[in-house]
Amino acid sequence: MPAARAGVSRGVHSICWVMCAFSLIYINPNAALGEQPQPERLYTLAAGTEVHLRLLETVASHTHKRGDRFKLEVAQPIAIDESIVVPAGSPAIGEVVHAAKPGMSGKAGELILATRALSIGEHEVKLRSFTAGNGENRLALATGLGVTLGIPALFVVGKNLVLPAGTDVYAKVTADTVLPSVLEVGTGEVSQPAITESSTEISNNESD
């Protein structure tokens, strides 16, 4: 009987050893090889970095009012040191700071807009400023502008100011924001962060 018990004991120990080895190799291979998990690398997205967005819904002076929120998405990813930290398609939110319909006396419609934030998983990047369009058609809407002859006809419908879904929008990062790398830069167009100063700075109204 003692010999039988010893045999059973050796068998149990052998099974336990095999199970431990299996756990190390297949469940935690880094531990089996004596390697430690690599810490997540973080990057700082600098304040003032320009973010290229795309409007996902139409916003107009005669259909929206102060406080209305609207959806955007990142149109062009942003990379730091060959690592993408803001991927294309990331959701963003804008807000109507002021809107007014055309007046009976011929007064044009008015629209002041702001970008508020974009989301990357659990991370949030605060945004400011709002410029719509491209090239000569870029229009600063973070300050009070009505429908005048100086505004591109692309955004004018009657005396209303209308930004259709799909309009290119440019915002700026409000403050330095630490983000993890989403993926390494591969093929395709990726923008490097550009810190710019222009006439699209946030107005006092936008801070409401």
Protein backbone atom coordinates (compact mmCIF):
# COMPACT_ATOMS: atom_id res chain seq x y z
CA MET A 1 0.00 0.00 0.00
CA PRO A 2 2.75 2.56 0.79
CA ALA A 3 4.26 1.91 -2.63
CA ALA A 4 0.86 2.41 -4.27
CA ARG A 5 0.33 5.65 -2.38
CA ALA A 6 3.77 6.83 -3.41
CA GLY A 7 2.94 6.05 -7.01
CA VAL A 8 -0.32 7.97 -6.80
CA SER A 9 1.48 10.91 -5.19
CA ARG A 10 4.12 10.95 -7.93
CA GLY A 11 1.34 10.83 -10.54
CA VAL A 12 -0.48 13.79 -8.97
CA HIS A 13 2.76 15.80 -8.85
CA SER A 14 3.46 14.97 -12.48
CA ILE A 15 0.00 16.14 -13.54
CA CYS A 16 0.40 19.38 -11.57
CA TRP A 17 3.80 20.01 -13.18
CA VAL A 18 2.41 19.46 -16.67
CA MET A 19 -0.52 21.79 -15.97
CA CYS A 20 1.79 24.51 -14.65
CA ALA A 21 4.04 24.22 -17.68
CA PHE A 22 1.02 24.40 -20.00
CA SER A 23 -0.21 27.51 -18.20
CA LEU A 24 3.15 29.23 -18.52
CA ILE A 25 3.67 28.42 -22.18
CA TYR A 26 0.18 28.77 -23.61
CA ILE A 27 -1.55 31.19 -21.24
CA ASN A 28 1.39 33.48 -20.39
CA PRO A 29 4.25 32.82 -22.83
CA ASN A 30 6.10 35.96 -21.67
CA ALA A 31 6.37 34.52 -18.16
CA ALA A 32 7.66 31.20 -19.55
CA LEU A 33 10.39 33.04 -21.45
CA GLY A 34 11.20 35.31 -18.55
CA GLU A 35 9.91 38.38 -20.40
CA GLN A 36 7.87 41.20 -18.89
CA PRO A 37 4.95 42.88 -20.75
CA GLN A 38 6.03 46.06 -22.48
CA PRO A 39 4.52 49.24 -20.97
CA GLU A 40 2.09 51.17 -23.15
CA ARG A 41 3.84 53.96 -25.01
CA LEU A 42 2.20 57.36 -24.62
CA TYR A 43 2.37 60.46 -26.81
CA THR A 44 1.47 64.10 -26.21
CA LEU A 45 -0.86 65.73 -28.71
CA ALA A 46 0.10 69.38 -28.37
CA ALA A 47 -2.31 72.23 -27.77
CA GLY A 48 -2.99 74.10 -31.01
CA THR A 49 -2.67 71.02 -33.21
CA GLU A 50 -5.06 71.34 -36.16
CA VAL A 51 -7.58 68.51 -36.55
CA HIS A 52 -9.27 67.85 -39.90
CA LEU A 53 -12.88 66.81 -39.34
CA ARG A 54 -15.90 66.06 -41.51
CA LEU A 55 -19.46 67.19 -40.75
CA LEU A 56 -21.86 64.23 -40.53
CA GLU A 57 -25.12 66.20 -40.60
CA THR A 58 -26.39 69.44 -42.10
CA VAL A 59 -26.24 72.49 -39.83
CA ALA A 60 -28.07 75.70 -40.78
CA SER A 61 -28.97 79.08 -39.35
CA HIS A 62 -32.71 78.52 -39.86
CA THR A 63 -32.93 74.95 -38.51
CA HIS A 64 -30.64 75.03 -35.48
CA LYS A 65 -30.62 76.98 -32.23
CA ARG A 66 -28.16 77.81 -29.47
CA GLY A 67 -27.01 74.71 -27.58
CA ASP A 68 -27.81 72.18 -30.32
CA ARG A 69 -25.13 69.52 -30.70
CA PHE A 70 -24.09 68.01 -34.03
CA LYS A 71 -21.86 65.12 -35.08
CA LEU A 72 -18.52 65.13 -36.87
CA GLU A 73 -15.77 62.60 -37.44
CA VAL A 74 -12.01 62.78 -37.95
CA ALA A 75 -11.36 62.97 -41.69
CA GLN A 76 -7.57 62.57 -41.59
CA PRO A 77 -5.60 60.60 -38.98
CA ILE A 78 -2.86 62.25 -36.93
CA ALA A 79 0.46 60.55 -36.24
CA ILE A 80 3.27 61.30 -33.80
CA ASP A 81 6.67 59.63 -34.34
CA GLU A 82 5.21 57.21 -36.90
CA SER A 83 2.43 56.13 -34.53
CA ILE A 84 -1.21 57.03 -35.15
CA VAL A 85 -2.79 58.58 -32.06
CA VAL A 86 -5.95 59.99 -33.68
CA PRO A 87 -7.39 57.54 -36.24
CA ALA A 88 -9.70 58.56 -39.07
CA GLY A 89 -13.35 57.99 -38.26
CA SER A 90 -13.02 58.93 -34.58
CA PRO A 91 -16.29 60.60 -33.47
CA ALA A 92 -16.40 64.29 -32.56
CA ILE A 93 -19.04 66.69 -31.28
CA GLY A 94 -19.76 70.31 -32.20
CA GLU A 95 -22.17 72.82 -30.70
CA VAL A 96 -24.20 75.76 -31.95
CA VAL A 97 -23.10 78.83 -30.00
CA HIS A 98 -25.50 81.20 -31.76
CA ALA A 99 -28.07 80.92 -34.58
CA ALA A 100 -30.58 83.38 -36.00
CA LYS A 101 -33.00 83.19 -38.90
CA PRO A 102 -33.09 85.94 -41.54
CA GLY A 103 -35.04 89.00 -40.40
CA MET A 104 -37.99 90.68 -42.07
CA SER A 105 -35.87 93.79 -42.78
CA GLY A 106 -33.49 91.81 -44.96
CA LYS A 107 -31.13 90.82 -42.19
CA ALA A 108 -29.17 87.71 -43.11
CA GLY A 109 -29.09 84.52 -41.09
CA GLU A 110 -26.38 84.16 -38.46
CA LEU A 111 -24.47 81.12 -37.27
CA ILE A 112 -21.66 80.72 -34.74
CA LEU A 113 -20.32 77.20 -34.22
CA ALA A 114 -17.78 75.51 -31.99
CA THR A 115 -16.08 72.14 -31.89
CA ARG A 116 -16.11 70.64 -28.41
CA ALA A 117 -14.31 67.29 -28.27
CA LEU A 118 -13.36 64.11 -30.10
CA SER A 119 -13.26 60.60 -28.65
CA ILE A 120 -10.65 57.87 -29.11
CA GLY A 121 -11.88 54.85 -27.20
CA GLU A 122 -11.93 55.90 -23.55
CA HIS A 123 -9.85 59.00 -24.23
CA GLU A 124 -11.26 62.46 -24.95
CA VAL A 125 -9.52 65.34 -26.70
CA LYS A 126 -10.98 68.79 -26.05
CA LEU A 127 -11.33 70.96 -29.17
CA ARG A 128 -11.90 74.63 -29.97
CA SER A 129 -12.39 76.85 -33.01
CA PHE A 130 -14.40 76.05 -36.15
CA THR A 131 -13.43 76.62 -39.79
CA ALA A 132 -15.48 75.14 -42.62
CA GLY A 133 -14.46 74.46 -46.22
CA ASN A 134 -11.10 74.31 -47.99
CA GLY A 135 -8.72 76.72 -49.67
CA GLU A 136 -10.36 80.02 -50.58
CA ASN A 137 -13.69 78.63 -49.39
CA ARG A 138 -12.54 78.25 -45.78
CA LEU A 139 -14.90 80.14 -43.53
CA ALA A 140 -14.28 80.98 -39.86
CA LEU A 141 -17.47 80.26 -37.93
CA ALA A 142 -16.12 80.55 -34.40
CA THR A 143 -16.78 84.28 -34.59
CA GLY A 144 -19.97 86.11 -35.46
CA LEU A 145 -20.53 86.03 -39.21
CA GLY A 146 -23.82 86.41 -41.06
CA VAL A 147 -24.58 85.79 -44.71
CA THR A 148 -22.72 88.56 -46.55
CA LEU A 149 -21.10 88.91 -49.96
CA GLY A 150 -17.79 87.84 -48.41
CA ILE A 151 -19.04 84.36 -47.53
CA PRO A 152 -18.52 81.62 -50.14
CA ALA A 153 -21.71 80.94 -52.12
CA LEU A 154 -21.23 77.25 -51.32
CA PHE A 155 -22.70 77.90 -47.85
CA VAL A 156 -25.49 80.33 -48.82
CA VAL A 157 -29.09 79.25 -49.44
CA GLY A 158 -31.27 82.31 -49.82
CA LYS A 159 -30.26 84.36 -46.80
CA ASN A 160 -29.53 81.32 -44.66
CA LEU A 161 -26.12 79.98 -43.82
CA VAL A 162 -26.10 76.22 -44.49
CA LEU A 163 -23.28 73.72 -43.94
CA PRO A 164 -24.20 70.41 -45.63
CA ALA A 165 -23.16 67.00 -44.35
CA GLY A 166 -19.72 66.15 -45.70
CA THR A 167 -18.33 69.67 -45.25
CA ASP A 168 -14.66 69.76 -44.24
CA VAL A 169 -14.19 71.29 -40.80
CA TYR A 170 -10.97 72.29 -39.06
CA ALA A 171 -10.55 72.55 -35.28
CA LYS A 172 -7.69 72.91 -32.82
CA VAL A 173 -6.68 70.90 -29.77
CA THR A 174 -7.44 72.95 -26.64
CA ALA A 175 -4.71 71.63 -24.33
CA ASP A 176 -1.83 69.15 -24.34
CA THR A 177 -3.39 65.68 -24.28
CA VAL A 178 -1.61 62.40 -23.56
CA LEU A 179 -2.73 59.52 -25.80
CA PRO A 180 -1.60 55.94 -26.47
CA SER A 181 -0.59 54.76 -29.93
CA VAL A 182 -3.51 53.26 -31.84
CA LEU A 183 -1.34 51.62 -34.53
CA GLU A 184 1.87 52.10 -36.44
CA VAL A 185 1.84 54.19 -39.58
CA GLY A 186 1.50 52.01 -42.67
CA THR A 187 0.56 52.94 -46.19
CA GLY A 188 -1.83 55.76 -46.79
CA GLU A 189 -1.93 59.45 -46.04
CA VAL A 190 -1.36 60.48 -42.45
CA SER A 191 -1.03 64.05 -41.23
CA GLN A 192 1.68 65.11 -38.84
CA PRO A 193 0.48 67.46 -36.08
CA ALA A 194 0.65 71.10 -37.13
CA ILE A 195 0.35 73.84 -34.54
CA THR A 196 -1.14 76.86 -36.23
CA GLU A 197 -2.36 80.28 -35.32
CA SER A 198 -4.89 81.98 -37.60
CA SER A 199 -7.99 84.13 -37.63
CA THR A 200 -10.09 81.10 -36.62
CA GLU A 201 -9.37 81.58 -32.93
CA ILE A 202 -12.26 80.94 -30.53
CA SER A 203 -14.43 83.94 -29.72
CA ASN A 204 -15.65 84.91 -26.28
CA ASN A 205 -19.09 83.57 -27.21
CA GLU A 206 -17.66 80.08 -27.79
CA SER A 207 -16.69 79.68 -24.15
CA ASP A 208 -20.35 79.68 -23.10
